[in-house]
């Protein structure tokens, strides 16, 4: 009887754990907010490297991006099943004076905390 109750408890707990999965719904036009990177640079938002930004004459300050609202302009499905999004600033200005859009893996950026839903 004890093993039977344990088996039922185990079955119920695994079903409850499976129901906790949270699928992120990403759509064109969604608005997100950029938060602080986990390291020195963003891992899943493909901003240009600092030396490229400086060579083009802009200031490479990633701290100015924190708290900025962005909009998803386009979604691209990759062959491996991941989704790449083309993002732009909500206010319409380019990133670092020269880049109107950048690519980002929104699923990974949301999971790691680089982006947050507004």
PDB file of N, CA and C in Angstrom:
ATOM      1  N   UNK A   1       0.817  -1.189   0.000  1.00  0.00           N
ATOM      2  CA  UNK A   1       0.000   0.000   0.000  1.00  0.00           C
ATOM      3  C   UNK A   1       0.873   1.270   0.000  1.00  0.00           C
ATOM      4  N   UNK A   2       1.970   1.202   0.745  1.00  0.00           N
ATOM      5  CA  UNK A   2       2.859   2.353   0.832  1.00  0.00           C
ATOM      6  C   UNK A   2       3.487   2.653  -0.536  1.00  0.00           C
ATOM      7  N   UNK A   3       3.913   1.629  -1.251  1.00  0.00           N
ATOM      8  CA  UNK A   3       4.514   1.844  -2.570  1.00  0.00           C
ATOM      9  C   UNK A   3       3.480   2.345  -3.568  1.00  0.00           C
ATOM     10  N   UNK A   4       2.245   1.890  -3.432  1.00  0.00           N
ATOM     11  CA  UNK A   4       1.181   2.350  -4.320  1.00  0.00           C
ATOM     12  C   UNK A   4       0.932   3.849  -4.120  1.00  0.00           C
ATOM     13  N   UNK A   5       0.860   4.303  -2.882  1.00  0.00           N
ATOM     14  CA  UNK A   5       0.661   5.723  -2.596  1.00  0.00           C
ATOM     15  C   UNK A   5       1.862   6.549  -3.060  1.00  0.00           C
ATOM     16  N   UNK A   6       3.056   6.003  -2.895  1.00  0.00           N
ATOM     17  CA  UNK A   6       4.248   6.698  -3.365  1.00  0.00           C
ATOM     18  C   UNK A   6       4.229   6.834  -4.885  1.00  0.00           C
ATOM     19  N   UNK A   7       3.800   5.794  -5.584  1.00  0.00           N
ATOM     20  CA  UNK A   7       3.728   5.835  -7.045  1.00  0.00           C
ATOM     21  C   UNK A   7       2.707   6.873  -7.504  1.00  0.00           C
ATOM     22  N   UNK A   8       1.573   6.949  -6.837  1.00  0.00           N
ATOM     23  CA  UNK A   8       0.558   7.946  -7.207  1.00  0.00           C
ATOM     24  C   UNK A   8       1.087   9.358  -6.933  1.00  0.00           C
ATOM     25  N   UNK A   9       1.747   9.553  -5.808  1.00  0.00           N
ATOM     26  CA  UNK A   9       2.325  10.857  -5.488  1.00  0.00           C
ATOM     27  C   UNK A   9       3.369  11.260  -6.527  1.00  0.00           C
ATOM     28  N   UNK A  10       4.218  10.328  -6.912  1.00  0.00           N
ATOM     29  CA  UNK A  10       5.249  10.596  -7.908  1.00  0.00           C
ATOM     30  C   UNK A  10       4.622  10.949  -9.253  1.00  0.00           C
ATOM     31  N   UNK A  11       3.587  10.236  -9.640  1.00  0.00           N
ATOM     32  CA  UNK A  11       2.893  10.499 -10.901  1.00  0.00           C
ATOM     33  C   UNK A  11       2.268  11.891 -10.889  1.00  0.00           C
ATOM     34  N   UNK A  12       1.609  12.251  -9.804  1.00  0.00           N
ATOM     35  CA  UNK A  12       0.962  13.566  -9.707  1.00  0.00           C
ATOM     36  C   UNK A  12       1.983  14.696  -9.687  1.00  0.00           C
ATOM     37  N   UNK A  13       3.092  14.499  -9.014  1.00  0.00           N
ATOM     38  CA  UNK A  13       4.092  15.561  -8.935  1.00  0.00           C
ATOM     39  C   UNK A  13       4.788  15.778 -10.279  1.00  0.00           C
ATOM     40  N   UNK A  14       5.021  14.720 -11.046  1.00  0.00           N
ATOM     41  CA  UNK A  14       5.646  14.904 -12.359  1.00  0.00           C
ATOM     42  C   UNK A  14       4.681  15.580 -13.318  1.00  0.00           C
ATOM     43  N   UNK A  15       3.394  15.268 -13.229  1.00  0.00           N
ATOM     44  CA  UNK A  15       2.414  15.946 -14.077  1.00  0.00           C
ATOM     45  C   UNK A  15       2.305  17.416 -13.710  1.00  0.00           C
ATOM     46  N   UNK A  16       2.366  17.728 -12.443  1.00  0.00           N
ATOM     47  CA  UNK A  16       2.317  19.127 -12.012  1.00  0.00           C
ATOM     48  C   UNK A  16       3.560  19.874 -12.470  1.00  0.00           C
ATOM     49  N   UNK A  17       4.702  19.218 -12.466  1.00  0.00           N
ATOM     50  CA  UNK A  17       5.938  19.857 -12.920  1.00  0.00           C
ATOM     51  C   UNK A  17       5.896  20.121 -14.418  1.00  0.00           C
ATOM     52  N   UNK A  18       5.301  19.218 -15.177  1.00  0.00           N
ATOM     53  CA  UNK A  18       5.184  19.413 -16.621  1.00  0.00           C
ATOM     54  C   UNK A  18       4.231  20.556 -16.948  1.00  0.00           C
ATOM     55  N   UNK A  19       3.238  20.778 -16.124  1.00  0.00           N
ATOM     56  CA  UNK A  19       2.264  21.838 -16.371  1.00  0.00           C
ATOM     57  C   UNK A  19       2.843  23.213 -16.087  1.00  0.00           C
ATOM     58  N   UNK A  20       3.995  23.300 -15.445  1.00  0.00           N
ATOM     59  CA  UNK A  20       4.589  24.570 -15.079  1.00  0.00           C
ATOM     60  C   UNK A  20       5.389  25.208 -16.208  1.00  0.00           C
ATOM     61  N   UNK A  21       5.553  24.524 -17.321  1.00  0.00           N
ATOM     62  CA  UNK A  21       6.345  25.063 -18.415  1.00  0.00           C
ATOM     63  C   UNK A  21       5.686  26.325 -18.951  1.00  0.00           C
ATOM     64  N   UNK A  22       6.473  27.379 -19.105  1.00  0.00           N
ATOM     65  CA  UNK A  22       5.967  28.665 -19.539  1.00  0.00           C
ATOM     66  C   UNK A  22       6.500  28.949 -20.937  1.00  0.00           C
ATOM     67  N   UNK A  23       5.646  28.867 -21.936  1.00  0.00           N
ATOM     68  CA  UNK A  23       6.051  29.172 -23.298  1.00  0.00           C
ATOM     69  C   UNK A  23       5.967  30.677 -23.511  1.00  0.00           C
ATOM     70  N   UNK A  24       7.016  31.235 -24.058  1.00  0.00           N
ATOM     71  CA  UNK A  24       7.065  32.665 -24.309  1.00  0.00           C
ATOM     72  C   UNK A  24       6.447  32.922 -25.678  1.00  0.00           C
ATOM     73  N   UNK A  25       5.438  33.754 -25.715  1.00  0.00           N
ATOM     74  CA  UNK A  25       4.780  34.099 -26.967  1.00  0.00           C
ATOM     75  C   UNK A  25       5.424  35.366 -27.520  1.00  0.00           C
ATOM     76  N   UNK A  26       6.117  35.213 -28.628  1.00  0.00           N
ATOM     77  CA  UNK A  26       6.793  36.332 -29.265  1.00  0.00           C
ATOM     78  C   UNK A  26       6.051  36.640 -30.548  1.00  0.00           C
ATOM     79  N   UNK A  27       5.697  37.896 -30.729  1.00  0.00           N
ATOM     80  CA  UNK A  27       4.993  38.279 -31.946  1.00  0.00           C
ATOM     81  C   UNK A  27       5.574  39.587 -32.469  1.00  0.00           C
ATOM     82  N   UNK A  28       5.303  39.847 -33.721  1.00  0.00           N
ATOM     83  CA  UNK A  28       5.764  41.070 -34.348  1.00  0.00           C
ATOM     84  C   UNK A  28       5.048  42.251 -33.692  1.00  0.00           C
ATOM     85  N   UNK A  29       5.802  43.274 -33.338  1.00  0.00           N
ATOM     86  CA  UNK A  29       5.238  44.444 -32.685  1.00  0.00           C
ATOM     87  C   UNK A  29       5.286  44.396 -31.168  1.00  0.00           C
ATOM     88  N   UNK A  30       5.790  43.306 -30.597  1.00  0.00           N
ATOM     89  CA  UNK A  30       5.904  43.209 -29.139  1.00  0.00           C
ATOM     90  C   UNK A  30       6.939  44.206 -28.632  1.00  0.00           C
ATOM     91  N   UNK A  31       6.698  44.722 -27.438  1.00  0.00           N
ATOM     92  CA  UNK A  31       7.593  45.713 -26.851  1.00  0.00           C
ATOM     93  C   UNK A  31       8.294  45.091 -25.650  1.00  0.00           C
ATOM     94  N   UNK A  32       9.616  45.230 -25.621  1.00  0.00           N
ATOM     95  CA  UNK A  32      10.439  44.710 -24.535  1.00  0.00           C
ATOM     96  C   UNK A  32      11.325  45.829 -24.009  1.00  0.00           C
ATOM     97  N   UNK A  33      11.895  45.618 -22.832  1.00  0.00           N
ATOM     98  CA  UNK A  33      12.791  46.587 -22.218  1.00  0.00           C
ATOM     99  C   UNK A  33      14.158  45.929 -22.038  1.00  0.00           C
ATOM    100  N   UNK A  34      15.212  46.639 -22.426  1.00  0.00           N
ATOM    101  CA  UNK A  34      16.569  46.123 -22.286  1.00  0.00           C
ATOM    102  C   UNK A  34      17.005  46.287 -20.833  1.00  0.00           C
ATOM    103  N   UNK A  35      17.522  45.216 -20.252  1.00  0.00           N
ATOM    104  CA  UNK A  35      18.060  45.288 -18.892  1.00  0.00           C
ATOM    105  C   UNK A  35      19.578  45.113 -18.954  1.00  0.00           C
ATOM    106  N   UNK A  36      20.216  45.074 -17.813  1.00  0.00           N
ATOM    107  CA  UNK A  36      21.673  45.004 -17.773  1.00  0.00           C
ATOM    108  C   UNK A  36      22.176  43.657 -18.286  1.00  0.00           C
ATOM    109  N   UNK A  37      23.330  43.649 -18.983  1.00  0.00           N
ATOM    110  CA  UNK A  37      23.886  42.378 -19.446  1.00  0.00           C
ATOM    111  C   UNK A  37      24.445  41.577 -18.284  1.00  0.00           C
ATOM    112  N   UNK A  38      24.576  40.272 -18.496  1.00  0.00           N
ATOM    113  CA  UNK A  38      25.118  39.413 -17.450  1.00  0.00           C
ATOM    114  C   UNK A  38      26.628  39.570 -17.314  1.00  0.00           C
ATOM    115  N   UNK A  39      27.293  39.971 -18.371  1.00  0.00           N
ATOM    116  CA  UNK A  39      28.740  40.188 -18.339  1.00  0.00           C
ATOM    117  C   UNK A  39      29.050  41.593 -18.825  1.00  0.00           C
ATOM    118  N   UNK A  40      30.126  41.720 -19.594  1.00  0.00           N
ATOM    119  CA  UNK A  40      30.500  43.024 -20.131  1.00  0.00           C
ATOM    120  C   UNK A  40      29.662  43.396 -21.342  1.00  0.00           C
ATOM    121  N   UNK A  41      29.239  42.392 -22.095  1.00  0.00           N
ATOM    122  CA  UNK A  41      28.441  42.642 -23.289  1.00  0.00           C
ATOM    123  C   UNK A  41      27.191  41.773 -23.258  1.00  0.00           C
ATOM    124  N   UNK A  42      26.294  42.048 -24.179  1.00  0.00           N
ATOM    125  CA  UNK A  42      25.080  41.255 -24.305  1.00  0.00           C
ATOM    126  C   UNK A  42      25.403  39.984 -25.084  1.00  0.00           C
ATOM    127  N   UNK A  43      24.926  38.846 -24.603  1.00  0.00           N
ATOM    128  CA  UNK A  43      25.238  37.569 -25.232  1.00  0.00           C
ATOM    129  C   UNK A  43      24.250  37.193 -26.327  1.00  0.00           C
ATOM    130  N   UNK A  44      22.986  37.545 -26.164  1.00  0.00           N
ATOM    131  CA  UNK A  44      21.961  37.101 -27.103  1.00  0.00           C
ATOM    132  C   UNK A  44      21.336  38.247 -27.890  1.00  0.00           C
ATOM    133  N   UNK A  45      21.821  39.451 -27.686  1.00  0.00           N
ATOM    134  CA  UNK A  45      21.456  40.589 -28.523  1.00  0.00           C
ATOM    135  C   UNK A  45      22.717  40.957 -29.282  1.00  0.00           C
ATOM    136  N   UNK A  46      22.660  40.920 -30.597  1.00  0.00           N
ATOM    137  CA  UNK A  46      23.864  41.077 -31.415  1.00  0.00           C
ATOM    138  C   UNK A  46      24.172  42.546 -31.703  1.00  0.00           C
ATOM    139  N   UNK A  47      24.571  43.264 -30.662  1.00  0.00           N
ATOM    140  CA  UNK A  47      25.057  44.619 -30.872  1.00  0.00           C
ATOM    141  C   UNK A  47      26.458  44.536 -31.449  1.00  0.00           C
ATOM    142  N   UNK A  48      26.875  45.538 -32.240  1.00  0.00           N
ATOM    143  CA  UNK A  48      28.234  45.514 -32.782  1.00  0.00           C
ATOM    144  C   UNK A  48      29.271  45.601 -31.666  1.00  0.00           C
ATOM    145  N   UNK A  49      30.453  45.104 -31.951  1.00  0.00           N
ATOM    146  CA  UNK A  49      31.532  45.168 -30.968  1.00  0.00           C
ATOM    147  C   UNK A  49      31.955  46.620 -30.757  1.00  0.00           C
ATOM    148  N   UNK A  50      32.571  46.855 -29.611  1.00  0.00           N
ATOM    149  CA  UNK A  50      32.950  48.222 -29.232  1.00  0.00           C
ATOM    150  C   UNK A  50      33.886  48.877 -30.253  1.00  0.00           C
ATOM    151  N   UNK A  51      34.855  48.116 -30.764  1.00  0.00           N
ATOM    152  CA  UNK A  51      35.815  48.729 -31.681  1.00  0.00           C
ATOM    153  C   UNK A  51      35.150  49.161 -32.989  1.00  0.00           C
ATOM    154  N   UNK A  52      34.150  48.446 -33.443  1.00  0.00           N
ATOM    155  CA  UNK A  52      33.441  48.822 -34.673  1.00  0.00           C
ATOM    156  C   UNK A  52      32.644  50.102 -34.444  1.00  0.00           C
ATOM    157  N   UNK A  53      31.998  50.210 -33.294  1.00  0.00           N
ATOM    158  CA  UNK A  53      31.223  51.414 -32.979  1.00  0.00           C
ATOM    159  C   UNK A  53      32.147  52.625 -32.897  1.00  0.00           C
ATOM    160  N   UNK A  54      33.296  52.460 -32.263  1.00  0.00           N
ATOM    161  CA  UNK A  54      34.246  53.567 -32.121  1.00  0.00           C
ATOM    162  C   UNK A  54      34.823  53.959 -33.475  1.00  0.00           C
ATOM    163  N   UNK A  55      35.119  52.997 -34.348  1.00  0.00           N
ATOM    164  CA  UNK A  55      35.648  53.300 -35.677  1.00  0.00           C
ATOM    165  C   UNK A  55      34.658  54.103 -36.510  1.00  0.00           C
ATOM    166  N   UNK A  56      33.362  53.894 -36.277  1.00  0.00           N
ATOM    167  CA  UNK A  56      32.343  54.627 -37.028  1.00  0.00           C
ATOM    168  C   UNK A  56      32.069  55.998 -36.431  1.00  0.00           C
ATOM    169  N   UNK A  57      32.693  56.310 -35.290  1.00  0.00           N
ATOM    170  CA  UNK A  57      32.590  57.649 -34.730  1.00  0.00           C
ATOM    171  C   UNK A  57      31.557  57.817 -33.638  1.00  0.00           C
ATOM    172  N   UNK A  58      31.000  56.742 -33.129  1.00  0.00           N
ATOM    173  CA  UNK A  58      30.010  56.835 -32.054  1.00  0.00           C
ATOM    174  C   UNK A  58      30.647  56.436 -30.728  1.00  0.00           C
ATOM    175  N   UNK A  59      29.946  56.685 -29.666  1.00  0.00           N
ATOM    176  CA  UNK A  59      30.419  56.317 -28.336  1.00  0.00           C
ATOM    177  C   UNK A  59      29.857  54.949 -27.993  1.00  0.00           C
ATOM    178  N   UNK A  60      30.733  54.013 -27.661  1.00  0.00           N
ATOM    179  CA  UNK A  60      30.328  52.635 -27.369  1.00  0.00           C
ATOM    180  C   UNK A  60      29.985  52.505 -25.890  1.00  0.00           C
ATOM    181  N   UNK A  61      28.809  52.974 -25.517  1.00  0.00           N
ATOM    182  CA  UNK A  61      28.374  52.934 -24.128  1.00  0.00           C
ATOM    183  C   UNK A  61      27.155  52.019 -24.029  1.00  0.00           C
ATOM    184  N   UNK A  62      27.387  50.770 -23.622  1.00  0.00           N
ATOM    185  CA  UNK A  62      26.282  49.824 -23.483  1.00  0.00           C
ATOM    186  C   UNK A  62      25.393  50.164 -22.291  1.00  0.00           C
ATOM    187  N   UNK A  63      25.894  50.950 -21.337  1.00  0.00           N
ATOM    188  CA  UNK A  63      25.083  51.327 -20.181  1.00  0.00           C
ATOM    189  C   UNK A  63      23.924  52.238 -20.572  1.00  0.00           C
ATOM    190  N   UNK A  64      24.060  52.969 -21.670  1.00  0.00           N
ATOM    191  CA  UNK A  64      22.975  53.847 -22.106  1.00  0.00           C
ATOM    192  C   UNK A  64      21.787  53.058 -22.653  1.00  0.00           C
ATOM    193  N   UNK A  65      21.977  51.775 -22.931  1.00  0.00           N
ATOM    194  CA  UNK A  65      20.896  50.944 -23.460  1.00  0.00           C
ATOM    195  C   UNK A  65      19.973  50.415 -22.368  1.00  0.00           C
ATOM    196  N   UNK A  66      20.430  50.401 -21.127  1.00  0.00           N
ATOM    197  CA  UNK A  66      19.650  49.828 -20.030  1.00  0.00           C
ATOM    198  C   UNK A  66      18.385  50.654 -19.822  1.00  0.00           C
ATOM    199  N   UNK A  67      17.242  49.979 -19.819  1.00  0.00           N
ATOM    200  CA  UNK A  67      15.954  50.637 -19.638  1.00  0.00           C
ATOM    201  C   UNK A  67      15.312  51.110 -20.924  1.00  0.00           C
ATOM    202  N   UNK A  68      15.963  50.907 -22.062  1.00  0.00           N
ATOM    203  CA  UNK A  68      15.436  51.356 -23.340  1.00  0.00           C
ATOM    204  C   UNK A  68      14.354  50.397 -23.835  1.00  0.00           C
ATOM    205  N   UNK A  69      13.277  50.947 -24.387  1.00  0.00           N
ATOM    206  CA  UNK A  69      12.211  50.130 -24.959  1.00  0.00           C
ATOM    207  C   UNK A  69      12.555  49.785 -26.398  1.00  0.00           C
ATOM    208  N   UNK A  70      12.318  48.519 -26.764  1.00  0.00           N
ATOM    209  CA  UNK A  70      12.560  48.069 -28.134  1.00  0.00           C
ATOM    210  C   UNK A  70      11.298  47.426 -28.682  1.00  0.00           C
ATOM    211  N   UNK A  71      11.207  47.368 -30.005  1.00  0.00           N
ATOM    212  CA  UNK A  71      10.057  46.792 -30.693  1.00  0.00           C
ATOM    213  C   UNK A  71      10.556  45.699 -31.624  1.00  0.00           C
ATOM    214  N   UNK A  72       9.839  44.583 -31.683  1.00  0.00           N
ATOM    215  CA  UNK A  72      10.170  43.499 -32.605  1.00  0.00           C
ATOM    216  C   UNK A  72       9.640  43.886 -33.981  1.00  0.00           C
ATOM    217  N   UNK A  73      10.533  44.034 -34.949  1.00  0.00           N
ATOM    218  CA  UNK A  73      10.149  44.409 -36.308  1.00  0.00           C
ATOM    219  C   UNK A  73       9.862  43.193 -37.185  1.00  0.00           C
ATOM    220  N   UNK A  74      10.644  42.117 -36.987  1.00  0.00           N
ATOM    221  CA  UNK A  74      10.515  40.941 -37.854  1.00  0.00           C
ATOM    222  C   UNK A  74      10.978  39.711 -37.092  1.00  0.00           C
ATOM    223  N   UNK A  75      10.351  38.577 -37.368  1.00  0.00           N
ATOM    224  CA  UNK A  75      10.741  37.302 -36.774  1.00  0.00           C
ATOM    225  C   UNK A  75      11.232  36.374 -37.870  1.00  0.00           C
ATOM    226  N   UNK A  76      12.363  35.716 -37.634  1.00  0.00           N
ATOM    227  CA  UNK A  76      12.960  34.802 -38.607  1.00  0.00           C
ATOM    228  C   UNK A  76      13.120  33.447 -37.940  1.00  0.00           C
ATOM    229  N   UNK A  77      12.560  32.398 -38.550  1.00  0.00           N
ATOM    230  CA  UNK A  77      12.713  31.038 -38.039  1.00  0.00           C
ATOM    231  C   UNK A  77      13.982  30.442 -38.638  1.00  0.00           C
ATOM    232  N   UNK A  78      14.886  29.985 -37.793  1.00  0.00           N
ATOM    233  CA  UNK A  78      16.136  29.372 -38.236  1.00  0.00           C
ATOM    234  C   UNK A  78      15.936  27.885 -38.491  1.00  0.00           C
ATOM    235  N   UNK A  79      16.900  27.265 -39.155  1.00  0.00           N
ATOM    236  CA  UNK A  79      16.808  25.843 -39.486  1.00  0.00           C
ATOM    237  C   UNK A  79      16.848  24.962 -38.246  1.00  0.00           C
ATOM    238  N   UNK A  80      17.512  25.417 -37.184  1.00  0.00           N
ATOM    239  CA  UNK A  80      17.604  24.612 -35.964  1.00  0.00           C
ATOM    240  C   UNK A  80      16.389  24.767 -35.055  1.00  0.00           C
ATOM    241  N   UNK A  81      15.399  25.550 -35.464  1.00  0.00           N
ATOM    242  CA  UNK A  81      14.171  25.703 -34.691  1.00  0.00           C
ATOM    243  C   UNK A  81      14.137  26.929 -33.809  1.00  0.00           C
ATOM    244  N   UNK A  82      15.243  27.655 -33.709  1.00  0.00           N
ATOM    245  CA  UNK A  82      15.252  28.862 -32.885  1.00  0.00           C
ATOM    246  C   UNK A  82      14.689  30.042 -33.682  1.00  0.00           C
ATOM    247  N   UNK A  83      14.326  31.072 -32.973  1.00  0.00           N
ATOM    248  CA  UNK A  83      13.740  32.253 -33.590  1.00  0.00           C
ATOM    249  C   UNK A  83      14.673  33.437 -33.405  1.00  0.00           C
ATOM    250  N   UNK A  84      15.022  34.080 -34.500  1.00  0.00           N
ATOM    251  CA  UNK A  84      15.813  35.299 -34.461  1.00  0.00           C
ATOM    252  C   UNK A  84      14.877  36.460 -34.742  1.00  0.00           C
ATOM    253  N   UNK A  85      14.993  37.502 -33.958  1.00  0.00           N
ATOM    254  CA  UNK A  85      14.134  38.666 -34.125  1.00  0.00           C
ATOM    255  C   UNK A  85      14.969  39.867 -34.543  1.00  0.00           C
ATOM    256  N   UNK A  86      14.420  40.661 -35.437  1.00  0.00           N
ATOM    257  CA  UNK A  86      15.013  41.936 -35.801  1.00  0.00           C
ATOM    258  C   UNK A  86      14.340  42.973 -34.907  1.00  0.00           C
ATOM    259  N   UNK A  87      15.139  43.658 -34.088  1.00  0.00           N
ATOM    260  CA  UNK A  87      14.573  44.611 -33.142  1.00  0.00           C
ATOM    261  C   UNK A  87      15.062  46.018 -33.450  1.00  0.00           C
ATOM    262  N   UNK A  88      14.247  46.999 -33.090  1.00  0.00           N
ATOM    263  CA  UNK A  88      14.581  48.408 -33.269  1.00  0.00           C
ATOM    264  C   UNK A  88      14.150  49.166 -32.026  1.00  0.00           C
ATOM    265  N   UNK A  89      14.676  50.355 -31.864  1.00  0.00           N
ATOM    266  CA  UNK A  89      14.280  51.187 -30.728  1.00  0.00           C
ATOM    267  C   UNK A  89      12.850  51.669 -30.923  1.00  0.00           C
ATOM    268  N   UNK A  90      12.130  51.793 -29.835  1.00  0.00           N
ATOM    269  CA  UNK A  90      10.733  52.225 -29.904  1.00  0.00           C
ATOM    270  C   UNK A  90      10.627  53.680 -30.338  1.00  0.00           C
ATOM    271  N   UNK A  91      11.599  54.513 -29.954  1.00  0.00           N
ATOM    272  CA  UNK A  91      11.545  55.927 -30.311  1.00  0.00           C
ATOM    273  C   UNK A  91      11.992  56.194 -31.748  1.00  0.00           C
ATOM    274  N   UNK A  92      12.431  55.171 -32.479  1.00  0.00           N
ATOM    275  CA  UNK A  92      12.776  55.312 -33.886  1.00  0.00           C
ATOM    276  C   UNK A  92      14.216  55.699 -34.158  1.00  0.00           C
ATOM    277  N   UNK A  93      14.968  56.056 -33.149  1.00  0.00           N
ATOM    278  CA  UNK A  93      16.359  56.430 -33.348  1.00  0.00           C
ATOM    279  C   UNK A  93      17.211  55.180 -33.519  1.00  0.00           C
ATOM    280  N   UNK A  94      18.341  55.271 -34.220  1.00  0.00           N
ATOM    281  CA  UNK A  94      19.206  54.096 -34.383  1.00  0.00           C
ATOM    282  C   UNK A  94      20.041  53.823 -33.136  1.00  0.00           C
ATOM    283  N   UNK A  95      20.478  52.578 -33.009  1.00  0.00           N
ATOM    284  CA  UNK A  95      21.406  52.209 -31.949  1.00  0.00           C
ATOM    285  C   UNK A  95      22.783  52.763 -32.306  1.00  0.00           C
ATOM    286  N   UNK A  96      23.429  53.440 -31.398  1.00  0.00           N
ATOM    287  CA  UNK A  96      24.787  53.967 -31.569  1.00  0.00           C
ATOM    288  C   UNK A  96      24.932  54.820 -32.832  1.00  0.00           C
ATOM    289  N   UNK A  97      23.924  55.567 -33.184  1.00  0.00           N
ATOM    290  CA  UNK A  97      23.878  56.526 -34.299  1.00  0.00           C
ATOM    291  C   UNK A  97      23.900  55.900 -35.685  1.00  0.00           C
ATOM    292  N   UNK A  98      24.207  54.607 -35.842  1.00  0.00           N
ATOM    293  CA  UNK A  98      24.371  54.045 -37.176  1.00  0.00           C
ATOM    294  C   UNK A  98      23.586  52.768 -37.436  1.00  0.00           C
ATOM    295  N   UNK A  99      23.049  52.132 -36.420  1.00  0.00           N
ATOM    296  CA  UNK A  99      22.423  50.824 -36.580  1.00  0.00           C
ATOM    297  C   UNK A  99      20.929  50.921 -36.279  1.00  0.00           C
ATOM    298  N   UNK A 100      20.090  51.015 -37.314  1.00  0.00           N
ATOM    299  CA  UNK A 100      18.646  51.152 -37.065  1.00  0.00           C
ATOM    300  C   UNK A 100      18.022  49.893 -36.471  1.00  0.00           C
ATOM    301  N   UNK A 101      18.565  48.732 -36.799  1.00  0.00           N
ATOM    302  CA  UNK A 101      18.052  47.472 -36.258  1.00  0.00           C
ATOM    303  C   UNK A 101      19.218  46.566 -35.881  1.00  0.00           C
ATOM    304  N   UNK A 102      18.961  45.655 -34.959  1.00  0.00           N
ATOM    305  CA  UNK A 102      19.924  44.618 -34.597  1.00  0.00           C
ATOM    306  C   UNK A 102      19.172  43.304 -34.469  1.00  0.00           C
ATOM    307  N   UNK A 103      19.912  42.205 -34.533  1.00  0.00           N
ATOM    308  CA  UNK A 103      19.311  40.883 -34.383  1.00  0.00           C
ATOM    309  C   UNK A 103      19.433  40.431 -32.936  1.00  0.00           C
ATOM    310  N   UNK A 104      18.469  39.616 -32.513  1.00  0.00           N
ATOM    311  CA  UNK A 104      18.500  39.087 -31.150  1.00  0.00           C
ATOM    312  C   UNK A 104      17.789  37.748 -31.114  1.00  0.00           C
ATOM    313  N   UNK A 105      18.267  36.871 -30.266  1.00  0.00           N
ATOM    314  CA  UNK A 105      17.561  35.630 -29.967  1.00  0.00           C
ATOM    315  C   UNK A 105      16.714  35.932 -28.733  1.00  0.00           C
ATOM    316  N   UNK A 106      15.443  36.253 -28.956  1.00  0.00           N
ATOM    317  CA  UNK A 106      14.593  36.738 -27.870  1.00  0.00           C
ATOM    318  C   UNK A 106      14.340  35.686 -26.809  1.00  0.00           C
ATOM    319  N   UNK A 107      14.203  34.436 -27.212  1.00  0.00           N
ATOM    320  CA  UNK A 107      13.925  33.387 -26.222  1.00  0.00           C
ATOM    321  C   UNK A 107      15.059  33.284 -25.212  1.00  0.00           C
ATOM    322  N   UNK A 108      16.288  33.254 -25.706  1.00  0.00           N
ATOM    323  CA  UNK A 108      17.439  33.147 -24.808  1.00  0.00           C
ATOM    324  C   UNK A 108      17.678  34.446 -24.044  1.00  0.00           C
ATOM    325  N   UNK A 109      17.454  35.584 -24.702  1.00  0.00           N
ATOM    326  CA  UNK A 109      17.647  36.867 -24.023  1.00  0.00           C
ATOM    327  C   UNK A 109      16.632  37.056 -22.900  1.00  0.00           C
ATOM    328  N   UNK A 110      15.403  36.608 -23.106  1.00  0.00           N
ATOM    329  CA  UNK A 110      14.395  36.685 -22.042  1.00  0.00           C
ATOM    330  C   UNK A 110      14.711  35.715 -20.915  1.00  0.00           C
ATOM    331  N   UNK A 111      15.204  34.531 -21.275  1.00  0.00           N
ATOM    332  CA  UNK A 111      15.510  33.528 -20.253  1.00  0.00           C
ATOM    333  C   UNK A 111      16.682  33.957 -19.373  1.00  0.00           C
ATOM    334  N   UNK A 112      17.683  34.591 -19.966  1.00  0.00           N
ATOM    335  CA  UNK A 112      18.869  34.983 -19.200  1.00  0.00           C
ATOM    336  C   UNK A 112      18.674  36.335 -18.503  1.00  0.00           C
ATOM    337  N   UNK A 113      17.683  37.115 -18.925  1.00  0.00           N
ATOM    338  CA  UNK A 113      17.394  38.382 -18.266  1.00  0.00           C
ATOM    339  C   UNK A 113      17.926  39.606 -18.972  1.00  0.00           C
ATOM    340  N   UNK A 114      18.398  39.475 -20.201  1.00  0.00           N
ATOM    341  CA  UNK A 114      18.863  40.639 -20.943  1.00  0.00           C
ATOM    342  C   UNK A 114      17.693  41.494 -21.404  1.00  0.00           C
ATOM    343  N   UNK A 115      16.553  40.874 -21.642  1.00  0.00           N
ATOM    344  CA  UNK A 115      15.332  41.577 -22.024  1.00  0.00           C
ATOM    345  C   UNK A 115      14.232  41.234 -21.039  1.00  0.00           C
ATOM    346  N   UNK A 116      13.332  42.185 -20.843  1.00  0.00           N
ATOM    347  CA  UNK A 116      12.162  41.962 -19.998  1.00  0.00           C
ATOM    348  C   UNK A 116      10.940  42.474 -20.730  1.00  0.00           C
ATOM    349  N   UNK A 117       9.827  41.816 -20.511  1.00  0.00           N
ATOM    350  CA  UNK A 117       8.573  42.222 -21.139  1.00  0.00           C
ATOM    351  C   UNK A 117       8.110  43.543 -20.535  1.00  0.00           C
ATOM    352  N   UNK A 118       7.747  44.509 -21.384  1.00  0.00           N
ATOM    353  CA  UNK A 118       7.241  45.798 -20.886  1.00  0.00           C
ATOM    354  C   UNK A 118       5.777  45.718 -20.570  1.00  0.00           C
TER     355      UNK A 118
END
